[in-house]
Amino acid sequence: MKQPKIIIRRIYEPVLPDDGMRVLVDRLWPRGITRESAKIDFWMREIGPSNALRQWFGHDQQRWEDFRTRYRAELEANREPFERLKTLCDTGPVTLLFAARDIEHNNAVVLAELLAEK
């Protein structure tokens, strides 16, 4: 089976021609971005980590492994949003958009890992 093309990009970066379907995967709308400038196809807020998990993590790299484990557990407990995202990936390239400053330790990275595994 062909591996889907998944791109991870900050929402503050410019739109690129190879972005494909642009999906915002954060629970909160990013600061300083208008809906028009975001150029997103879908906002899947329900796939973002819960407020409690997001606040606990606080982008603390020392909590990264625990965050990954807990976020995966949340996704497993509520599979429907992830299944919808997986279906989108079957249609062509998908860019997972996030607002965090840390491009290596955020929920979009975990989602991309899971999508690659499935």
N, C-alpha and C. Protein backbone atom coordinates (compact mmCIF):
# COMPACT_ATOMS: atom_id res chain seq x y z
N MET A 1 0.85 -1.19 0.00
CA MET A 1 0.00 0.00 0.00
C MET A 1 0.89 1.24 0.00
N LYS A 2 0.51 2.23 -0.78
CA LYS A 2 1.28 3.46 -0.91
C LYS A 2 1.17 4.32 0.34
N GLN A 3 2.31 4.82 0.81
CA GLN A 3 2.36 5.68 1.98
C GLN A 3 1.82 7.07 1.62
N PRO A 4 0.90 7.61 2.41
CA PRO A 4 0.37 8.94 2.10
C PRO A 4 1.45 10.01 2.28
N LYS A 5 1.36 11.08 1.49
CA LYS A 5 2.30 12.19 1.64
C LYS A 5 1.74 13.13 2.69
N ILE A 6 2.47 13.23 3.81
CA ILE A 6 2.04 14.06 4.92
C ILE A 6 3.12 15.10 5.16
N ILE A 7 2.71 16.36 5.14
CA ILE A 7 3.61 17.48 5.37
C ILE A 7 3.20 18.10 6.70
N ILE A 8 4.18 18.53 7.47
CA ILE A 8 3.91 19.23 8.73
C ILE A 8 4.45 20.64 8.59
N ARG A 9 3.60 21.62 8.87
CA ARG A 9 4.03 23.00 8.67
C ARG A 9 3.32 23.91 9.67
N ARG A 10 4.05 24.92 10.13
CA ARG A 10 3.43 25.95 10.98
C ARG A 10 2.44 26.75 10.13
N ILE A 11 1.34 27.11 10.72
CA ILE A 11 0.32 27.85 9.99
C ILE A 11 0.81 29.24 9.59
N TYR A 12 1.86 29.72 10.23
CA TYR A 12 2.40 31.04 9.94
C TYR A 12 3.30 31.04 8.70
N GLU A 13 3.63 29.86 8.19
CA GLU A 13 4.46 29.76 6.99
C GLU A 13 3.59 29.98 5.75
N PRO A 14 4.20 30.45 4.65
CA PRO A 14 3.42 30.68 3.44
C PRO A 14 2.86 29.39 2.85
N VAL A 15 1.74 29.52 2.17
CA VAL A 15 1.13 28.38 1.47
C VAL A 15 2.04 28.01 0.30
N LEU A 16 2.25 26.71 0.13
CA LEU A 16 3.08 26.23 -0.98
C LEU A 16 2.25 25.40 -1.94
N PRO A 17 2.62 25.35 -3.21
CA PRO A 17 1.83 24.63 -4.21
C PRO A 17 1.67 23.13 -3.90
N ASP A 18 2.65 22.53 -3.20
CA ASP A 18 2.56 21.09 -2.95
C ASP A 18 1.87 20.76 -1.62
N ASP A 19 1.24 21.76 -0.98
CA ASP A 19 0.57 21.53 0.30
C ASP A 19 -0.57 20.52 0.22
N GLY A 20 -1.23 20.45 -0.90
CA GLY A 20 -2.40 19.57 -0.99
C GLY A 20 -3.50 20.08 -0.06
N MET A 21 -4.17 19.16 0.62
CA MET A 21 -5.24 19.50 1.57
C MET A 21 -4.59 20.09 2.82
N ARG A 22 -5.00 21.28 3.22
CA ARG A 22 -4.43 21.94 4.40
C ARG A 22 -5.39 21.79 5.57
N VAL A 23 -4.91 21.12 6.63
CA VAL A 23 -5.75 20.79 7.78
C VAL A 23 -5.13 21.35 9.05
N LEU A 24 -5.84 22.26 9.71
CA LEU A 24 -5.41 22.79 11.00
C LEU A 24 -5.77 21.76 12.06
N VAL A 25 -4.78 21.30 12.83
CA VAL A 25 -5.00 20.23 13.80
C VAL A 25 -4.87 20.70 15.25
N ASP A 26 -5.01 22.00 15.48
CA ASP A 26 -4.97 22.56 16.83
C ASP A 26 -6.38 22.79 17.33
N ARG A 27 -6.56 22.63 18.63
CA ARG A 27 -7.87 22.85 19.25
C ARG A 27 -8.22 24.34 19.30
N LEU A 28 -7.19 25.19 19.43
CA LEU A 28 -7.40 26.64 19.50
C LEU A 28 -7.00 27.29 18.18
N TRP A 29 -7.73 28.35 17.82
CA TRP A 29 -7.38 29.09 16.60
C TRP A 29 -6.07 29.84 16.86
N PRO A 30 -5.13 29.82 15.91
CA PRO A 30 -3.83 30.47 16.10
C PRO A 30 -3.94 31.99 16.19
N ARG A 31 -3.14 32.56 17.07
CA ARG A 31 -3.13 34.01 17.24
C ARG A 31 -2.60 34.71 15.99
N GLY A 32 -3.23 35.84 15.68
CA GLY A 32 -2.73 36.69 14.61
C GLY A 32 -3.01 36.20 13.20
N ILE A 33 -3.79 35.15 13.06
CA ILE A 33 -4.11 34.60 11.74
C ILE A 33 -5.60 34.81 11.47
N THR A 34 -5.92 35.39 10.33
CA THR A 34 -7.33 35.51 9.96
C THR A 34 -7.75 34.24 9.23
N ARG A 35 -9.01 34.00 9.19
CA ARG A 35 -9.51 32.81 8.48
C ARG A 35 -9.16 32.87 7.00
N GLU A 36 -9.16 34.08 6.44
CA GLU A 36 -8.83 34.24 5.02
C GLU A 36 -7.35 33.93 4.76
N SER A 37 -6.47 34.43 5.62
CA SER A 37 -5.04 34.23 5.39
C SER A 37 -4.59 32.81 5.72
N ALA A 38 -5.36 32.09 6.51
CA ALA A 38 -4.98 30.72 6.90
C ALA A 38 -5.00 29.76 5.70
N LYS A 39 -5.89 30.01 4.78
CA LYS A 39 -6.01 29.17 3.58
C LYS A 39 -6.08 27.67 3.95
N ILE A 40 -6.97 27.35 4.91
CA ILE A 40 -7.12 25.96 5.31
C ILE A 40 -8.34 25.36 4.62
N ASP A 41 -8.28 24.05 4.43
CA ASP A 41 -9.43 23.33 3.89
C ASP A 41 -10.33 22.81 5.01
N PHE A 42 -9.70 22.42 6.12
CA PHE A 42 -10.44 21.89 7.27
C PHE A 42 -9.77 22.35 8.56
N TRP A 43 -10.61 22.62 9.56
CA TRP A 43 -10.10 22.84 10.92
C TRP A 43 -10.64 21.69 11.75
N MET A 44 -9.78 20.76 12.09
CA MET A 44 -10.17 19.60 12.88
C MET A 44 -9.79 19.84 14.34
N ARG A 45 -10.51 20.76 14.99
CA ARG A 45 -10.17 21.11 16.37
C ARG A 45 -10.32 19.92 17.30
N GLU A 46 -11.25 19.02 16.99
CA GLU A 46 -11.50 17.88 17.87
C GLU A 46 -10.36 16.86 17.86
N ILE A 47 -9.44 16.97 16.91
CA ILE A 47 -8.31 16.04 16.86
C ILE A 47 -7.13 16.56 17.68
N GLY A 48 -7.18 17.82 18.07
CA GLY A 48 -6.10 18.38 18.90
C GLY A 48 -6.13 17.79 20.30
N PRO A 49 -5.02 17.89 21.01
CA PRO A 49 -5.00 17.38 22.39
C PRO A 49 -5.99 18.13 23.27
N SER A 50 -6.50 17.43 24.27
CA SER A 50 -7.45 18.06 25.19
C SER A 50 -6.80 19.28 25.84
N ASN A 51 -7.63 20.19 26.32
CA ASN A 51 -7.10 21.38 26.99
C ASN A 51 -6.22 20.99 28.18
N ALA A 52 -6.66 19.99 28.93
CA ALA A 52 -5.89 19.56 30.10
C ALA A 52 -4.51 19.04 29.67
N LEU A 53 -4.46 18.22 28.63
CA LEU A 53 -3.18 17.68 28.17
C LEU A 53 -2.30 18.78 27.59
N ARG A 54 -2.89 19.65 26.81
CA ARG A 54 -2.14 20.75 26.20
C ARG A 54 -1.52 21.64 27.27
N GLN A 55 -2.30 21.98 28.29
CA GLN A 55 -1.80 22.84 29.35
C GLN A 55 -0.73 22.12 30.18
N TRP A 56 -0.93 20.83 30.44
CA TRP A 56 0.07 20.07 31.19
C TRP A 56 1.39 20.03 30.44
N PHE A 57 1.33 19.77 29.13
CA PHE A 57 2.55 19.67 28.32
C PHE A 57 3.28 21.01 28.26
N GLY A 58 2.57 22.07 27.93
CA GLY A 58 3.17 23.40 27.88
C GLY A 58 4.41 23.49 27.01
N HIS A 59 4.53 22.60 26.04
CA HIS A 59 5.69 22.53 25.13
C HIS A 59 7.01 22.38 25.87
N ASP A 60 6.95 21.68 27.01
CA ASP A 60 8.14 21.35 27.78
C ASP A 60 8.75 20.08 27.19
N GLN A 61 9.92 20.22 26.58
CA GLN A 61 10.54 19.08 25.89
C GLN A 61 10.80 17.91 26.83
N GLN A 62 10.96 18.16 28.11
CA GLN A 62 11.17 17.06 29.06
C GLN A 62 9.90 16.22 29.23
N ARG A 63 8.77 16.77 28.85
CA ARG A 63 7.50 16.03 28.95
C ARG A 63 7.09 15.41 27.61
N TRP A 64 7.93 15.54 26.60
CA TRP A 64 7.57 15.14 25.24
C TRP A 64 7.15 13.68 25.15
N GLU A 65 7.93 12.76 25.68
CA GLU A 65 7.59 11.33 25.56
C GLU A 65 6.27 11.02 26.27
N ASP A 66 6.07 11.60 27.45
CA ASP A 66 4.80 11.41 28.15
C ASP A 66 3.64 12.03 27.36
N PHE A 67 3.88 13.20 26.78
CA PHE A 67 2.85 13.85 25.97
C PHE A 67 2.46 12.94 24.80
N ARG A 68 3.45 12.41 24.10
CA ARG A 68 3.17 11.53 22.95
C ARG A 68 2.30 10.35 23.38
N THR A 69 2.66 9.73 24.50
CA THR A 69 1.91 8.57 25.00
C THR A 69 0.48 8.96 25.37
N ARG A 70 0.34 10.06 26.09
CA ARG A 70 -0.99 10.50 26.53
C ARG A 70 -1.85 10.95 25.36
N TYR A 71 -1.25 11.65 24.41
CA TYR A 71 -2.01 12.12 23.25
C TYR A 71 -2.46 10.93 22.41
N ARG A 72 -1.59 9.96 22.21
CA ARG A 72 -1.99 8.75 21.48
C ARG A 72 -3.16 8.05 22.18
N ALA A 73 -3.13 8.03 23.51
CA ALA A 73 -4.23 7.42 24.27
C ALA A 73 -5.54 8.19 24.05
N GLU A 74 -5.44 9.53 24.03
CA GLU A 74 -6.65 10.33 23.74
C GLU A 74 -7.19 10.02 22.35
N LEU A 75 -6.31 9.93 21.38
CA LEU A 75 -6.74 9.64 20.01
C LEU A 75 -7.37 8.25 19.92
N GLU A 76 -6.82 7.31 20.65
CA GLU A 76 -7.35 5.94 20.66
C GLU A 76 -8.74 5.91 21.29
N ALA A 77 -8.95 6.71 22.32
CA ALA A 77 -10.23 6.75 23.03
C ALA A 77 -11.32 7.43 22.19
N ASN A 78 -10.91 8.28 21.25
CA ASN A 78 -11.86 8.99 20.39
C ASN A 78 -11.36 8.86 18.95
N ARG A 79 -11.60 7.71 18.35
CA ARG A 79 -10.99 7.35 17.07
C ARG A 79 -11.59 8.08 15.86
N GLU A 80 -12.82 8.54 15.95
CA GLU A 80 -13.51 9.09 14.78
C GLU A 80 -12.75 10.22 14.09
N PRO A 81 -12.26 11.24 14.82
CA PRO A 81 -11.52 12.31 14.13
C PRO A 81 -10.26 11.80 13.42
N PHE A 82 -9.54 10.89 14.06
CA PHE A 82 -8.34 10.35 13.42
C PHE A 82 -8.70 9.55 12.17
N GLU A 83 -9.77 8.80 12.22
CA GLU A 83 -10.21 8.03 11.04
C GLU A 83 -10.57 8.96 9.89
N ARG A 84 -11.21 10.11 10.20
CA ARG A 84 -11.53 11.09 9.15
C ARG A 84 -10.26 11.67 8.55
N LEU A 85 -9.27 11.96 9.40
CA LEU A 85 -8.00 12.48 8.90
C LEU A 85 -7.30 11.45 8.03
N LYS A 86 -7.33 10.21 8.45
CA LYS A 86 -6.72 9.13 7.68
C LYS A 86 -7.37 9.01 6.30
N THR A 87 -8.67 9.16 6.25
CA THR A 87 -9.39 9.11 4.97
C THR A 87 -8.97 10.26 4.06
N LEU A 88 -8.79 11.46 4.63
CA LEU A 88 -8.31 12.60 3.84
C LEU A 88 -6.95 12.30 3.23
N CYS A 89 -6.10 11.63 3.98
CA CYS A 89 -4.75 11.32 3.50
C CYS A 89 -4.79 10.35 2.32
N ASP A 90 -5.86 9.58 2.19
CA ASP A 90 -5.99 8.65 1.07
C ASP A 90 -6.28 9.36 -0.24
N THR A 91 -6.71 10.63 -0.16
CA THR A 91 -7.09 11.36 -1.37
C THR A 91 -5.93 12.12 -2.00
N GLY A 92 -4.82 12.24 -1.30
CA GLY A 92 -3.67 12.97 -1.83
C GLY A 92 -2.85 13.59 -0.73
N PRO A 93 -1.93 14.48 -1.07
CA PRO A 93 -1.08 15.09 -0.04
C PRO A 93 -1.90 15.87 0.98
N VAL A 94 -1.48 15.80 2.22
CA VAL A 94 -2.13 16.53 3.31
C VAL A 94 -1.06 17.27 4.10
N THR A 95 -1.32 18.55 4.36
CA THR A 95 -0.43 19.34 5.22
C THR A 95 -1.11 19.54 6.55
N LEU A 96 -0.48 19.04 7.61
CA LEU A 96 -0.98 19.23 8.97
C LEU A 96 -0.43 20.55 9.49
N LEU A 97 -1.32 21.46 9.81
CA LEU A 97 -0.93 22.80 10.25
C LEU A 97 -1.08 22.93 11.76
N PHE A 98 -0.09 23.58 12.37
CA PHE A 98 -0.09 23.79 13.81
C PHE A 98 0.47 25.18 14.09
N ALA A 99 0.26 25.68 15.30
CA ALA A 99 0.71 27.03 15.64
C ALA A 99 1.94 27.05 16.54
N ALA A 100 2.26 25.95 17.18
CA ALA A 100 3.37 25.93 18.16
C ALA A 100 4.68 26.40 17.54
N ARG A 101 5.51 27.03 18.34
CA ARG A 101 6.82 27.48 17.87
C ARG A 101 7.77 26.31 17.66
N ASP A 102 7.65 25.29 18.50
CA ASP A 102 8.53 24.13 18.44
C ASP A 102 8.05 23.19 17.33
N ILE A 103 8.83 23.10 16.26
CA ILE A 103 8.40 22.31 15.10
C ILE A 103 8.67 20.82 15.26
N GLU A 104 9.38 20.42 16.31
CA GLU A 104 9.69 19.01 16.52
C GLU A 104 8.88 18.37 17.63
N HIS A 105 8.27 19.16 18.48
CA HIS A 105 7.55 18.64 19.64
C HIS A 105 6.16 19.26 19.70
N ASN A 106 5.24 18.72 18.90
CA ASN A 106 3.86 19.22 18.89
C ASN A 106 2.92 18.12 18.41
N ASN A 107 1.64 18.37 18.54
CA ASN A 107 0.65 17.34 18.22
C ASN A 107 0.66 16.93 16.75
N ALA A 108 1.02 17.83 15.83
CA ALA A 108 1.06 17.47 14.41
C ALA A 108 2.12 16.40 14.16
N VAL A 109 3.22 16.46 14.89
CA VAL A 109 4.28 15.45 14.76
C VAL A 109 3.74 14.08 15.17
N VAL A 110 3.00 14.03 16.27
CA VAL A 110 2.41 12.77 16.73
C VAL A 110 1.41 12.24 15.72
N LEU A 111 0.57 13.12 15.20
CA LEU A 111 -0.41 12.70 14.18
C LEU A 111 0.28 12.14 12.95
N ALA A 112 1.34 12.79 12.48
CA ALA A 112 2.06 12.31 11.31
C ALA A 112 2.68 10.94 11.58
N GLU A 113 3.21 10.74 12.77
CA GLU A 113 3.75 9.43 13.14
C GLU A 113 2.67 8.36 13.07
N LEU A 114 1.53 8.66 13.65
CA LEU A 114 0.42 7.70 13.65
C LEU A 114 -0.07 7.40 12.24
N LEU A 115 -0.20 8.44 11.43
CA LEU A 115 -0.65 8.24 10.05
C LEU A 115 0.34 7.37 9.27
N ALA A 116 1.62 7.57 9.51
CA ALA A 116 2.63 6.76 8.83
C ALA A 116 2.57 5.30 9.28
N GLU A 117 2.22 5.07 10.54
CA GLU A 117 2.12 3.71 11.07
C GLU A 117 0.90 2.98 10.52
N LYS A 118 -0.16 3.70 10.26
CA LYS A 118 -1.42 3.08 9.84
C LYS A 118 -1.39 2.89 8.35
